[in-house]
Amino acid sequence: MEAMSDIGGEQNATNEHSLRDFIIEVPWLGSIEVGETGFRFVRIDLVDPEINMPLYAVQAAFIYRDLDYLGSFESNDERLNDIWLTGAYTVHLNMQDYLWDGIKRDRLVWVGDLHPEIMTVASVFGNNEVVPRSLDLARDQHPLPQWMNTISSYSMWWLIIHKQWFDNYGDLSYLQAQETYMINLLDQLATFIDEDNAEKLNGGRFLDWPTSPDPKATHAGLQAMMVLTFRAGSEMMETLGHPELQEKYAAVARRLRQHTPTGNTSKQAAAMMALAGLADPAQINRDILKKDGVQNMSTFYGYYLLEAMALAGDYAGALEVVRRYWGGMLDLGATTFWEDFDINDSRNATPITELVPTGKDDIHGDFGEFCYVGYRHSFCHGWASGPTAWLSQHVLGITLQEGGNVVKIEPHLGDLEWARGTYPTKHGLIRVMHFKKADGTVKSLVEVPEGITIR
């Protein structure tokens, strides 16, 4: 339906970021190459009336990194298998010169968006240079005291990502290259805490779009992010050999935990509070995360909702969220995951592979809020890939630690009968196979490359 639309109109088709509509002159007995965008369907109109134009061929050029899918996931549930692979493919398309958030719309390095993306990169492709390349671009484009992408939480995500990347690959020289910026950024963040130990961050106060109109939710999420950031900063200072800074930033994290935000009812901020230790994960899961099923979720922070449900031990519930929410996009014809998805919009909607008949909703053109109204809504957005990383980490049970030299194996099959897969490391592939026995216990077969210790 987007391909059949014209620019403008109530459904907001746009030429922003990458051009989707343009008029070209086609040479006689020649060829021409045009356009740089992402698309699934293309419409070609002959503009001049009463013209007969023989057209020999229209070919699409696919620009992508020719990468092996080193990581894998397979279980007795084909829906979960399809979701894992769709998340992997979504991020693969966005691994261009930098790690973009969208192949069609934005084509930019948004640092918050990078966190779910780099978790997927690590789970599927391993140590790829597009990640440090993108992190360095963000650092160099935003000298302090600027916030990355003008958003304070995105600067915090930059720090959290570095901790995660080092845990997986242990590149000390790369971490040392960030040292000065890291310390100055942590010290800058520490100035935005008031006498009640509450964050008072300036700049763009943003978690994700659905929480943005709610100041209580935004504060709760940012308070949690500050705790997680200073915890990560303290651990990185230990790695870098600065015990005094390790304790300094650990003390800031302890101070921040003394303030508990109130009044939040959003799933996104609640998940972050659980992950930061500001709220009881079981209570958060029961009272907020499971309320109304998969309504009031976002594709970006859906990843952290799954993480919080895992922390509460509700693995079966998290698997059902993956099936219903991300699976809901597959039911509508998705081959990549979307910038945002409201499950309620799907009730009377036609799949995106079909023209919309009278009386049915256009899932792309009829919905959307904030910056993604109508056809401006990105249908390939890397921040929506969270289930890929989550399934590898929590169902296959694989978590790398200590620079990728140690692996913790802790599978949680939930309602699955079996699951198997691989996970790339700097030493080679980890291979696991888990299956549930008659008494409900899980038997695991694990193969790790030389150089990795199993914990």
Protein backbone atom coordinates (compact mmCIF):
# COMPACT_ATOMS: atom_id res chain seq x y z
CA MET A 1 0.00 0.00 0.00
CA GLU A 2 2.91 2.37 0.63
CA ALA A 3 4.29 1.67 -2.83
CA MET A 4 0.86 2.46 -4.29
CA SER A 5 0.63 5.80 -2.45
CA ASP A 6 1.81 9.22 -3.53
CA ILE A 7 3.83 11.69 -1.42
CA GLY A 8 1.74 13.57 1.14
CA GLY A 9 -1.89 12.94 1.93
CA GLU A 10 -3.53 11.80 5.15
CA GLN A 11 -1.34 8.71 5.35
CA ASN A 12 1.86 10.76 5.40
CA ALA A 13 4.01 9.22 2.66
CA THR A 14 7.28 11.14 2.71
CA ASN A 15 10.59 11.54 0.94
CA GLU A 16 12.49 12.03 4.19
CA HIS A 17 15.89 10.47 4.89
CA SER A 18 16.01 8.34 1.75
CA LEU A 19 14.12 9.23 -1.40
CA ARG A 20 11.30 6.89 -2.31
CA ASP A 21 9.75 9.02 -5.07
CA PHE A 22 11.67 10.61 -7.94
CA ILE A 23 11.32 11.25 -11.66
CA ILE A 24 14.14 10.14 -13.95
CA GLU A 25 14.90 10.25 -17.64
CA VAL A 26 15.58 6.81 -19.09
CA PRO A 27 18.11 6.70 -21.96
CA TRP A 28 17.27 5.07 -25.26
CA LEU A 29 19.33 1.90 -25.81
CA GLY A 30 21.11 2.52 -22.53
CA SER A 31 20.88 1.98 -18.80
CA ILE A 32 20.77 4.13 -15.69
CA GLU A 33 21.23 3.45 -11.96
CA VAL A 34 19.12 5.44 -9.51
CA GLY A 35 17.99 5.45 -5.92
CA GLU A 36 19.45 4.48 -2.58
CA THR A 37 16.78 3.30 -0.22
CA GLY A 38 15.28 0.24 1.38
CA PHE A 39 12.17 -1.29 -0.10
CA ARG A 40 10.10 -4.41 -0.39
CA PHE A 41 7.72 -3.35 -3.15
CA VAL A 42 8.42 -0.92 -6.00
CA ARG A 43 6.00 0.91 -8.26
CA ILE A 44 7.13 2.28 -11.62
CA ASP A 45 4.97 4.81 -13.48
CA LEU A 46 5.49 6.05 -17.02
CA VAL A 47 5.08 9.80 -16.51
CA ASP A 48 4.71 11.00 -20.13
CA PRO A 49 1.28 10.23 -21.65
CA GLU A 50 0.85 8.31 -24.88
CA ILE A 51 4.43 7.08 -24.93
CA ASN A 52 5.43 3.54 -25.80
CA MET A 53 8.64 2.69 -23.89
CA PRO A 54 10.20 -0.74 -24.34
CA LEU A 55 11.73 -1.74 -21.00
CA TYR A 56 14.22 -4.61 -21.10
CA ALA A 57 14.82 -5.11 -17.38
CA VAL A 58 14.58 -3.57 -13.94
CA GLN A 59 17.19 -4.91 -11.53
CA ALA A 60 17.68 -4.23 -7.83
CA ALA A 61 21.16 -3.94 -6.33
CA PHE A 62 21.42 -5.44 -2.85
CA ILE A 63 24.07 -3.67 -0.74
CA TYR A 64 24.92 -5.72 2.33
CA ARG A 65 27.75 -7.16 4.39
CA ASP A 66 28.39 -10.69 3.17
CA LEU A 67 28.36 -12.29 6.61
CA ASP A 68 27.87 -15.83 7.84
CA TYR A 69 25.11 -16.35 10.40
CA LEU A 70 27.42 -17.90 12.97
CA GLY A 71 24.85 -17.90 15.74
CA SER A 72 21.74 -20.00 15.43
CA PHE A 73 18.58 -20.92 17.31
CA GLU A 74 16.22 -23.83 16.77
CA SER A 75 13.48 -25.28 18.96
CA ASN A 76 10.33 -27.34 18.68
CA ASP A 77 8.42 -24.05 18.18
CA GLU A 78 8.73 -22.88 14.57
CA ARG A 79 7.23 -19.49 15.42
CA LEU A 80 10.09 -18.74 17.81
CA ASN A 81 12.58 -19.98 15.21
CA ASP A 82 11.14 -17.57 12.63
CA ILE A 83 11.21 -14.69 15.11
CA TRP A 84 14.88 -15.32 15.99
CA LEU A 85 15.86 -15.31 12.32
CA THR A 86 13.73 -12.25 11.47
CA GLY A 87 15.45 -10.24 14.21
CA ALA A 88 18.84 -11.35 12.92
CA TYR A 89 17.96 -10.35 9.35
CA THR A 90 16.59 -6.98 10.52
CA VAL A 91 19.93 -6.07 12.06
CA HIS A 92 21.91 -7.57 9.18
CA LEU A 93 20.25 -5.15 6.76
CA ASN A 94 21.20 -2.24 9.02
CA MET A 95 24.87 -3.24 9.19
CA GLN A 96 25.92 -0.85 6.44
CA ASP A 97 28.86 1.59 6.63
CA TYR A 98 27.65 2.11 10.21
CA LEU A 99 25.07 0.29 12.30
CA TRP A 100 21.94 2.18 11.32
CA ASP A 101 18.62 2.03 13.10
CA GLY A 102 16.62 1.82 9.86
CA ILE A 103 17.43 0.72 6.32
CA LYS A 104 14.90 3.16 4.82
CA ARG A 105 14.25 5.75 7.48
CA ASP A 106 16.69 7.22 9.50
CA ARG A 107 19.93 5.62 8.31
CA LEU A 108 21.66 7.17 11.30
CA VAL A 109 23.62 6.01 14.35
CA TRP A 110 21.18 6.43 17.23
CA VAL A 111 23.09 5.23 20.26
CA GLY A 112 20.12 4.03 22.32
CA ASP A 113 18.94 1.98 19.38
CA LEU A 114 22.40 0.41 19.20
CA HIS A 115 22.05 -1.54 22.44
CA PRO A 116 19.50 -4.14 21.28
CA GLU A 117 21.25 -4.15 17.92
CA ILE A 118 24.71 -4.92 19.32
CA MET A 119 23.22 -7.68 21.46
CA THR A 120 21.86 -9.22 18.27
CA VAL A 121 25.16 -8.68 16.42
CA ALA A 122 26.96 -10.49 19.23
CA SER A 123 24.45 -13.36 19.18
CA VAL A 124 24.50 -13.86 15.41
CA PHE A 125 27.61 -12.38 13.78
CA GLY A 126 30.09 -12.06 16.62
CA ASN A 127 32.77 -9.39 16.83
CA ASN A 128 32.06 -7.18 13.81
CA GLU A 129 33.89 -3.90 13.20
CA VAL A 130 30.63 -2.04 12.48
CA VAL A 131 29.97 -1.84 16.23
CA PRO A 132 33.15 -0.02 17.39
CA ARG A 133 33.03 2.02 14.19
CA SER A 134 29.55 3.26 15.12
CA LEU A 135 30.40 3.82 18.79
CA ASP A 136 33.44 5.88 17.82
CA LEU A 137 31.39 7.96 15.39
CA ALA A 138 28.92 8.82 18.14
CA ARG A 139 31.75 9.77 20.51
CA ASP A 140 33.49 11.96 17.96
CA GLN A 141 30.30 13.63 16.76
CA HIS A 142 29.26 14.60 20.28
CA PRO A 143 32.16 16.08 22.27
CA LEU A 144 31.29 16.69 25.89
CA PRO A 145 29.28 18.30 27.37
CA GLN A 146 26.95 17.36 24.50
CA TRP A 147 24.67 14.40 24.96
CA MET A 148 24.81 11.84 22.18
CA ASN A 149 22.00 12.49 19.71
CA THR A 150 21.06 15.33 22.15
CA ILE A 151 19.55 12.68 24.48
CA SER A 152 21.03 12.04 27.94
CA SER A 153 19.95 8.39 28.06
CA TYR A 154 21.72 7.74 24.76
CA SER A 155 25.02 8.83 26.30
CA MET A 156 24.31 6.36 29.10
CA TRP A 157 23.60 3.61 26.59
CA TRP A 158 27.02 4.30 25.04
CA LEU A 159 28.67 3.44 28.37
CA ILE A 160 26.50 0.36 28.94
CA ILE A 161 27.26 -0.89 25.42
CA HIS A 162 31.01 -0.63 26.01
CA LYS A 163 30.69 -2.73 29.15
CA GLN A 164 28.71 -5.36 27.25
CA TRP A 165 31.12 -5.36 24.29
CA PHE A 166 34.12 -5.84 26.57
CA ASP A 167 32.39 -8.68 28.44
CA ASN A 168 31.98 -10.46 25.12
CA TYR A 169 35.34 -9.81 23.46
CA GLY A 170 37.80 -8.47 26.04
CA ASP A 171 39.51 -5.91 23.79
CA LEU A 172 41.37 -3.99 26.51
CA SER A 173 43.18 -1.66 24.13
CA TYR A 174 39.84 -0.56 22.65
CA LEU A 175 38.40 0.04 26.12
CA GLN A 176 41.50 2.03 27.07
CA ALA A 177 40.98 4.26 24.03
CA GLN A 178 37.61 5.30 25.52
CA GLU A 179 38.97 5.96 29.01
CA THR A 180 39.18 9.75 29.00
CA TYR A 181 35.77 10.24 27.43
CA MET A 182 34.22 7.65 29.76
CA ILE A 183 35.53 9.24 32.93
CA ASN A 184 34.52 12.74 31.85
CA LEU A 185 31.06 11.50 30.84
CA LEU A 186 30.52 9.67 34.14
CA ASP A 187 31.63 12.75 36.06
CA GLN A 188 29.25 14.88 34.00
CA LEU A 189 26.34 12.52 34.66
CA ALA A 190 27.09 12.63 38.41
CA THR A 191 26.36 16.37 38.47
CA PHE A 192 22.72 15.71 37.56
CA ILE A 193 21.67 14.21 40.91
CA ASP A 194 19.80 16.30 43.47
CA GLU A 195 19.87 16.24 47.28
CA ASP A 196 17.18 13.54 47.31
CA ASN A 197 19.37 11.29 45.13
CA ALA A 198 17.03 11.72 42.17
CA GLU A 199 18.27 12.23 38.61
CA LYS A 200 17.76 15.72 37.17
CA LEU A 201 19.10 15.18 33.69
CA ASN A 202 18.75 17.94 31.14
CA GLY A 203 18.72 17.74 27.35
CA GLY A 204 16.38 15.30 25.68
CA ARG A 205 14.65 13.30 28.42
CA PHE A 206 13.74 10.20 26.46
CA LEU A 207 13.39 6.45 26.88
CA ASP A 208 11.20 5.56 23.94
CA TRP A 209 8.31 7.21 22.13
CA PRO A 210 5.37 5.67 24.02
CA THR A 211 6.73 6.85 27.41
CA SER A 212 7.69 10.33 26.20
CA PRO A 213 4.41 12.09 27.19
CA ASP A 214 4.62 10.73 30.76
CA PRO A 215 7.09 12.61 33.02
CA LYS A 216 6.76 10.05 35.83
CA ALA A 217 7.61 7.18 33.52
CA THR A 218 10.50 9.09 32.00
CA HIS A 219 11.95 9.90 35.42
CA ALA A 220 11.58 6.31 36.60
CA GLY A 221 13.36 5.01 33.52
CA LEU A 222 16.14 7.58 33.69
CA GLN A 223 16.71 6.92 37.40
CA ALA A 224 17.09 3.24 36.61
CA MET A 225 19.40 3.96 33.72
CA MET A 226 21.63 6.09 35.95
CA VAL A 227 21.99 3.17 38.35
CA LEU A 228 22.83 0.76 35.53
CA THR A 229 25.27 3.24 33.98
CA PHE A 230 27.26 3.88 37.15
CA ARG A 231 27.30 0.18 37.90
CA ALA A 232 28.78 -0.44 34.44
CA GLY A 233 31.16 2.49 34.85
CA SER A 234 32.43 1.13 38.16
CA GLU A 235 33.10 -2.29 36.65
CA MET A 236 34.92 -0.78 33.66
CA MET A 237 37.11 1.28 35.97
CA GLU A 238 38.09 -1.92 37.77
CA THR A 239 39.04 -3.44 34.41
CA LEU A 240 41.04 -0.32 33.53
CA GLY A 241 42.96 -0.50 36.83
CA HIS A 242 41.43 2.51 38.63
CA PRO A 243 40.28 1.20 42.04
CA GLU A 244 39.56 4.72 43.33
CA LEU A 245 37.23 5.43 40.39
CA GLN A 246 35.70 1.98 40.74
CA GLU A 247 34.62 2.84 44.28
CA LYS A 248 33.66 6.41 43.35
CA TYR A 249 31.17 5.32 40.72
CA ALA A 250 29.92 2.38 42.79
CA ALA A 251 29.13 4.91 45.53
CA VAL A 252 27.17 7.02 43.04
CA ALA A 253 25.17 3.93 42.06
CA ARG A 254 24.44 3.19 45.73
CA ARG A 255 23.33 6.78 46.24
CA LEU A 256 20.99 6.63 43.25
CA ARG A 257 19.41 3.43 44.58
CA GLN A 258 18.29 5.36 47.65
CA HIS A 259 15.67 7.14 45.54
CA THR A 260 12.69 5.09 44.36
CA PRO A 261 10.53 6.81 41.73
CA THR A 262 6.78 6.65 42.32
CA GLY A 263 3.72 6.88 40.13
CA ASN A 264 5.03 4.97 37.15
CA THR A 265 2.67 2.58 35.36
CA SER A 266 4.50 2.15 32.04
CA LYS A 267 5.89 -1.27 31.20
CA GLN A 268 9.08 0.20 29.76
CA ALA A 269 10.11 2.17 32.83
CA ALA A 270 8.94 -0.59 35.17
CA ALA A 271 11.18 -3.08 33.40
CA MET A 272 14.17 -0.77 33.80
CA MET A 273 13.43 -0.29 37.52
CA ALA A 274 13.41 -4.07 37.99
CA LEU A 275 16.71 -4.45 36.12
CA ALA A 276 18.32 -1.68 38.20
CA GLY A 277 17.20 -3.16 41.52
CA LEU A 278 14.84 -0.26 42.26
CA ALA A 279 11.80 -2.53 42.44
CA ASP A 280 10.97 -6.17 43.09
CA PRO A 281 11.06 -8.01 39.73
CA ALA A 282 8.29 -10.45 40.71
CA GLN A 283 5.96 -7.65 41.77
CA ILE A 284 6.76 -5.58 38.67
CA ASN A 285 6.09 -8.61 36.48
CA ARG A 286 2.80 -9.41 38.17
CA ASP A 287 1.38 -5.91 38.53
CA ILE A 288 2.67 -4.10 35.43
CA LEU A 289 4.44 -6.21 32.82
CA LYS A 290 1.74 -8.89 32.53
CA LYS A 291 -1.17 -6.44 32.72
CA ASP A 292 -3.29 -6.43 29.54
CA GLY A 293 -1.07 -9.00 27.83
CA VAL A 294 1.08 -7.52 25.08
CA GLN A 295 -0.77 -4.22 24.93
CA ASN A 296 1.13 -1.00 25.73
CA MET A 297 4.49 -2.38 24.62
CA SER A 298 7.14 -0.96 22.34
CA THR A 299 9.47 -2.84 20.03
CA PHE A 300 12.53 -1.02 21.45
CA TYR A 301 11.94 -1.48 25.18
CA GLY A 302 10.19 -4.79 24.64
CA TYR A 303 13.69 -6.26 24.93
CA TYR A 304 14.06 -4.92 28.48
CA LEU A 305 10.56 -6.14 29.33
CA LEU A 306 11.73 -9.64 28.38
CA GLU A 307 14.88 -9.17 30.45
CA ALA A 308 12.82 -8.11 33.47
CA MET A 309 10.47 -11.07 33.07
CA ALA A 310 13.51 -13.36 33.02
CA LEU A 311 14.78 -11.71 36.20
CA ALA A 312 11.39 -12.52 37.76
CA GLY A 313 11.77 -16.13 36.62
CA ASP A 314 8.78 -15.92 34.26
CA TYR A 315 10.39 -17.53 31.23
CA ALA A 316 7.19 -19.15 29.98
CA GLY A 317 5.43 -15.80 30.17
CA ALA A 318 8.26 -14.09 28.29
CA LEU A 319 8.13 -16.71 25.53
CA GLU A 320 4.41 -16.07 25.15
CA VAL A 321 5.11 -12.33 24.82
CA VAL A 322 7.62 -13.06 22.06
CA ARG A 323 5.13 -15.27 20.22
CA ARG A 324 2.22 -12.86 20.45
CA TYR A 325 3.93 -9.49 20.04
CA TRP A 326 6.77 -10.07 17.59
CA GLY A 327 4.82 -12.95 16.08
CA GLY A 328 1.98 -10.50 15.51
CA MET A 329 4.17 -8.65 13.01
CA LEU A 330 4.95 -11.91 11.20
CA ASP A 331 1.21 -12.60 10.98
CA LEU A 332 0.87 -9.30 9.12
CA GLY A 333 3.47 -10.26 6.53
CA ALA A 334 6.61 -8.78 8.12
CA THR A 335 10.01 -10.06 7.02
CA THR A 336 11.79 -7.52 9.24
CA PHE A 337 10.67 -6.08 12.58
CA TRP A 338 9.11 -2.64 12.85
CA GLU A 339 9.91 0.65 14.54
CA ASP A 340 6.78 0.30 16.66
CA PHE A 341 3.82 -2.05 16.88
CA ASP A 342 0.53 -1.72 18.73
CA ILE A 343 -1.16 -5.10 18.91
CA ASN A 344 -4.57 -3.41 18.96
CA ASP A 345 -3.97 -2.01 15.47
CA SER A 346 -3.88 -5.52 14.03
CA ARG A 347 -7.49 -6.45 14.84
CA ASN A 348 -8.97 -5.39 11.47
CA ALA A 349 -5.76 -5.01 9.48
CA THR A 350 -4.74 -6.50 6.16
CA PRO A 351 -1.23 -8.01 5.82
CA ILE A 352 1.30 -5.71 4.18
CA THR A 353 1.63 -8.18 1.30
CA GLU A 354 -1.89 -7.34 0.10
CA LEU A 355 -3.86 -4.35 -1.17
CA VAL A 356 -6.32 -3.20 1.49
CA PRO A 357 -9.97 -3.84 0.61
CA THR A 358 -12.83 -1.58 1.67
CA GLY A 359 -13.70 -2.04 5.31
CA LYS A 360 -10.25 -3.20 6.38
CA ASP A 361 -7.41 -1.23 8.00
CA ASP A 362 -4.05 -0.46 6.43
CA ILE A 363 -1.62 -1.54 9.17
CA HIS A 364 1.03 0.78 7.70
CA GLY A 365 -0.89 3.85 6.56
CA ASP A 366 -3.72 4.11 9.08
CA PHE A 367 -1.78 4.08 12.35
CA GLY A 368 1.32 5.42 14.09
CA GLU A 369 2.18 8.27 16.44
CA PHE A 370 4.96 10.71 17.25
CA CYS A 371 7.53 10.66 14.44
CA TYR A 372 6.15 7.52 12.79
CA VAL A 373 2.67 8.54 11.63
CA GLY A 374 1.32 6.58 8.67
CA TYR A 375 3.74 5.57 5.93
CA ARG A 376 6.62 7.36 7.65
CA HIS A 377 6.63 4.38 10.03
CA SER A 378 9.84 2.37 9.53
CA PHE A 379 9.18 -1.31 8.88
CA CYS A 380 12.81 -2.37 9.32
CA HIS A 381 14.19 -1.05 12.60
CA GLY A 382 17.13 -2.66 14.38
CA TRP A 383 15.99 -1.72 17.87
CA ALA A 384 13.14 -4.22 17.45
CA SER A 385 15.47 -7.25 17.23
CA GLY A 386 15.58 -7.95 20.98
CA PRO A 387 14.06 -11.46 20.94
CA THR A 388 16.98 -12.75 18.88
CA ALA A 389 19.49 -11.85 21.59
CA TRP A 390 17.07 -12.80 24.37
CA LEU A 391 16.39 -16.29 23.04
CA SER A 392 20.12 -16.95 22.65
CA GLN A 393 20.92 -15.70 26.13
CA HIS A 394 17.99 -17.05 28.15
CA VAL A 395 16.64 -20.09 26.30
CA LEU A 396 19.97 -21.37 25.00
CA GLY A 397 21.30 -19.95 28.25
CA ILE A 398 24.54 -18.47 26.91
CA THR A 399 26.14 -15.44 28.57
CA LEU A 400 29.77 -14.50 27.90
CA GLN A 401 31.79 -13.01 30.76
CA GLU A 402 35.31 -11.85 31.58
CA GLY A 403 36.17 -10.70 28.09
CA GLY A 404 34.70 -13.75 26.39
CA ASN A 405 36.94 -16.21 28.24
CA VAL A 406 34.16 -17.54 30.48
CA VAL A 407 30.66 -18.65 29.53
CA LYS A 408 27.75 -19.14 31.89
CA ILE A 409 25.35 -21.82 30.64
CA GLU A 410 21.90 -21.50 32.24
CA PRO A 411 19.09 -22.63 29.92
CA HIS A 412 15.41 -21.92 30.56
CA LEU A 413 13.13 -23.83 28.23
CA GLY A 414 9.86 -22.54 29.66
CA ASP A 415 7.18 -24.50 27.82
CA LEU A 416 9.57 -25.73 25.11
CA GLU A 417 10.46 -29.41 24.73
CA TRP A 418 13.94 -28.74 23.34
CA ALA A 419 16.19 -26.01 21.98
CA ARG A 420 19.59 -26.02 20.34
CA GLY A 421 21.89 -23.52 18.74
CA THR A 422 25.27 -21.88 18.43
CA TYR A 423 26.85 -18.69 19.74
CA PRO A 424 29.94 -16.99 18.25
CA THR A 425 32.90 -16.12 20.48
CA LYS A 426 36.44 -14.91 19.87
CA HIS A 427 37.56 -18.51 20.44
CA GLY A 428 35.06 -20.14 18.09
CA LEU A 429 31.48 -21.41 18.29
CA ILE A 430 29.71 -22.55 21.43
CA ARG A 431 27.21 -25.32 20.64
CA VAL A 432 24.41 -26.33 22.98
CA MET A 433 21.49 -28.75 22.95
CA HIS A 434 18.91 -28.75 25.74
CA PHE A 435 15.93 -31.05 26.10
CA LYS A 436 13.33 -31.51 28.79
CA LYS A 437 13.14 -34.93 30.42
CA ALA A 438 9.97 -36.63 31.64
CA ASP A 439 10.48 -35.31 35.18
CA GLY A 440 10.73 -31.71 33.93
CA THR A 441 14.47 -31.34 34.43
CA VAL A 442 16.66 -30.23 31.54
CA LYS A 443 19.50 -32.28 30.11
CA SER A 444 22.17 -30.27 28.28
CA LEU A 445 24.88 -31.14 25.82
CA VAL A 446 27.48 -28.38 25.63
CA GLU A 447 30.51 -28.00 23.38
CA VAL A 448 32.83 -25.03 23.88
CA PRO A 449 36.02 -24.15 22.01
CA GLU A 450 39.41 -24.28 23.66
CA GLY A 451 40.10 -21.12 25.64
CA ILE A 452 36.65 -20.79 27.24
CA THR A 453 35.82 -21.92 30.77
CA ILE A 454 32.24 -23.06 31.51
CA ARG A 455 30.65 -21.59 34.61
